[in-house]
């Protein structure tokens, strides 16, 4: 893991290592802050996330239809007096 100052001073080395397939972690004030990775790795990660996520329409269609009985539709409301 690189400190932020070291990563600034040796940015070419950070980029070279990321391009070689080794993501580089950079810390700020002793805590992990960012990861530098190659554009190809980033594109691959985004494509994989998009494939897993599916579309918003698919998400909506996965909800049970109102005609499907579930626990909530079988519960009777309680009496309330005002």
C-alpha atoms as a PDB file:
ATOM      1  CA  UNK A   1       0.000   0.000   0.000  1.00  0.00           C
ATOM      2  CA  UNK A   2       1.293   3.423  -0.954  1.00  0.00           C
ATOM      3  CA  UNK A   3       1.001   6.505   1.199  1.00  0.00           C
ATOM      4  CA  UNK A   4      -0.507   9.435  -0.670  1.00  0.00           C
ATOM      5  CA  UNK A   5       2.777  11.333  -0.649  1.00  0.00           C
ATOM      6  CA  UNK A   6       4.721   8.339  -1.980  1.00  0.00           C
ATOM      7  CA  UNK A   7       2.097   7.742  -4.668  1.00  0.00           C
ATOM      8  CA  UNK A   8       2.382  11.394  -5.750  1.00  0.00           C
ATOM      9  CA  UNK A   9       6.153  11.224  -5.870  1.00  0.00           C
ATOM     10  CA  UNK A  10       6.215   7.926  -7.781  1.00  0.00           C
ATOM     11  CA  UNK A  11       2.987   8.171  -9.771  1.00  0.00           C
ATOM     12  CA  UNK A  12       4.567   6.621 -12.870  1.00  0.00           C
ATOM     13  CA  UNK A  13       5.471   3.525 -10.848  1.00  0.00           C
ATOM     14  CA  UNK A  14       1.921   3.349  -9.456  1.00  0.00           C
ATOM     15  CA  UNK A  15       0.475   3.531 -12.984  1.00  0.00           C
ATOM     16  CA  UNK A  16       2.971   1.025 -14.387  1.00  0.00           C
ATOM     17  CA  UNK A  17       2.110  -1.501 -11.673  1.00  0.00           C
ATOM     18  CA  UNK A  18      -1.637  -0.988 -12.268  1.00  0.00           C
ATOM     19  CA  UNK A  19      -1.154  -1.494 -16.011  1.00  0.00           C
ATOM     20  CA  UNK A  20       0.732  -4.709 -15.240  1.00  0.00           C
ATOM     21  CA  UNK A  21      -2.432  -6.065 -13.614  1.00  0.00           C
ATOM     22  CA  UNK A  22      -1.637  -5.227 -10.005  1.00  0.00           C
ATOM     23  CA  UNK A  23      -4.151  -2.744  -8.536  1.00  0.00           C
ATOM     24  CA  UNK A  24      -2.361  -0.245  -6.298  1.00  0.00           C
ATOM     25  CA  UNK A  25      -3.864   0.808  -2.973  1.00  0.00           C
ATOM     26  CA  UNK A  26      -3.211   4.337  -1.717  1.00  0.00           C
ATOM     27  CA  UNK A  27      -3.775   5.467   1.856  1.00  0.00           C
ATOM     28  CA  UNK A  28      -4.412   8.929   3.252  1.00  0.00           C
ATOM     29  CA  UNK A  29      -3.616   9.674   6.880  1.00  0.00           C
ATOM     30  CA  UNK A  30      -3.056   5.967   7.529  1.00  0.00           C
ATOM     31  CA  UNK A  31      -6.460   4.842   6.191  1.00  0.00           C
ATOM     32  CA  UNK A  32      -7.160   3.190   2.828  1.00  0.00           C
ATOM     33  CA  UNK A  33      -8.366   5.882   0.412  1.00  0.00           C
ATOM     34  CA  UNK A  34      -8.303   4.774  -3.229  1.00  0.00           C
ATOM     35  CA  UNK A  35      -7.263   1.986  -5.560  1.00  0.00           C
ATOM     36  CA  UNK A  36      -5.543   2.698  -8.870  1.00  0.00           C
ATOM     37  CA  UNK A  37      -6.261   0.073 -11.509  1.00  0.00           C
ATOM     38  CA  UNK A  38      -5.958  -0.194 -15.266  1.00  0.00           C
ATOM     39  CA  UNK A  39      -8.732   1.045 -17.534  1.00  0.00           C
ATOM     40  CA  UNK A  40      -9.168  -2.512 -18.846  1.00  0.00           C
ATOM     41  CA  UNK A  41      -9.706  -3.877 -15.316  1.00  0.00           C
ATOM     42  CA  UNK A  42     -12.162  -1.071 -14.564  1.00  0.00           C
ATOM     43  CA  UNK A  43     -14.132  -1.736 -17.769  1.00  0.00           C
ATOM     44  CA  UNK A  44     -14.253  -5.460 -16.969  1.00  0.00           C
ATOM     45  CA  UNK A  45     -15.542  -4.763 -13.446  1.00  0.00           C
ATOM     46  CA  UNK A  46     -18.236  -2.383 -14.738  1.00  0.00           C
ATOM     47  CA  UNK A  47     -19.388  -4.878 -17.378  1.00  0.00           C
ATOM     48  CA  UNK A  48     -19.621  -7.657 -14.793  1.00  0.00           C
ATOM     49  CA  UNK A  49     -21.620  -5.433 -12.434  1.00  0.00           C
ATOM     50  CA  UNK A  50     -23.990  -4.427 -15.229  1.00  0.00           C
ATOM     51  CA  UNK A  51     -24.599  -8.068 -16.198  1.00  0.00           C
ATOM     52  CA  UNK A  52     -25.418  -9.053 -12.607  1.00  0.00           C
ATOM     53  CA  UNK A  53     -27.644  -6.052 -11.995  1.00  0.00           C
ATOM     54  CA  UNK A  54     -30.162  -6.565 -14.807  1.00  0.00           C
ATOM     55  CA  UNK A  55     -32.568  -3.918 -15.981  1.00  0.00           C
ATOM     56  CA  UNK A  56     -34.929  -1.802 -13.920  1.00  0.00           C
ATOM     57  CA  UNK A  57     -37.885  -3.300 -15.827  1.00  0.00           C
ATOM     58  CA  UNK A  58     -36.760  -6.815 -14.832  1.00  0.00           C
ATOM     59  CA  UNK A  59     -36.508  -5.630 -11.242  1.00  0.00           C
ATOM     60  CA  UNK A  60     -40.082  -4.302 -11.280  1.00  0.00           C
ATOM     61  CA  UNK A  61     -41.429  -7.421 -12.949  1.00  0.00           C
ATOM     62  CA  UNK A  62     -39.845  -9.614 -10.271  1.00  0.00           C
ATOM     63  CA  UNK A  63     -42.219  -8.207  -7.618  1.00  0.00           C
ATOM     64  CA  UNK A  64     -45.192 -10.438  -6.778  1.00  0.00           C
ATOM     65  CA  UNK A  65     -48.413  -9.419  -8.439  1.00  0.00           C
ATOM     66  CA  UNK A  66     -51.198  -7.990  -6.245  1.00  0.00           C
ATOM     67  CA  UNK A  67     -53.297 -11.088  -7.006  1.00  0.00           C
ATOM     68  CA  UNK A  68     -50.715 -13.304  -5.292  1.00  0.00           C
ATOM     69  CA  UNK A  69     -51.722 -13.761  -1.653  1.00  0.00           C
ATOM     70  CA  UNK A  70     -48.983 -13.173   0.850  1.00  0.00           C
ATOM     71  CA  UNK A  71     -48.777 -12.639   4.598  1.00  0.00           C
ATOM     72  CA  UNK A  72     -49.650  -8.961   4.394  1.00  0.00           C
ATOM     73  CA  UNK A  73     -52.935  -9.480   2.528  1.00  0.00           C
ATOM     74  CA  UNK A  74     -54.105 -12.022   5.107  1.00  0.00           C
ATOM     75  CA  UNK A  75     -53.692  -9.717   8.101  1.00  0.00           C
ATOM     76  CA  UNK A  76     -56.852  -7.985   9.285  1.00  0.00           C
ATOM     77  CA  UNK A  77     -56.547  -4.376  10.457  1.00  0.00           C
ATOM     78  CA  UNK A  78     -57.175  -3.681  14.126  1.00  0.00           C
ATOM     79  CA  UNK A  79     -60.116  -1.662  15.360  1.00  0.00           C
ATOM     80  CA  UNK A  80     -59.320   1.959  16.082  1.00  0.00           C
ATOM     81  CA  UNK A  81     -61.558   4.365  17.926  1.00  0.00           C
ATOM     82  CA  UNK A  82     -61.107   8.120  17.750  1.00  0.00           C
END
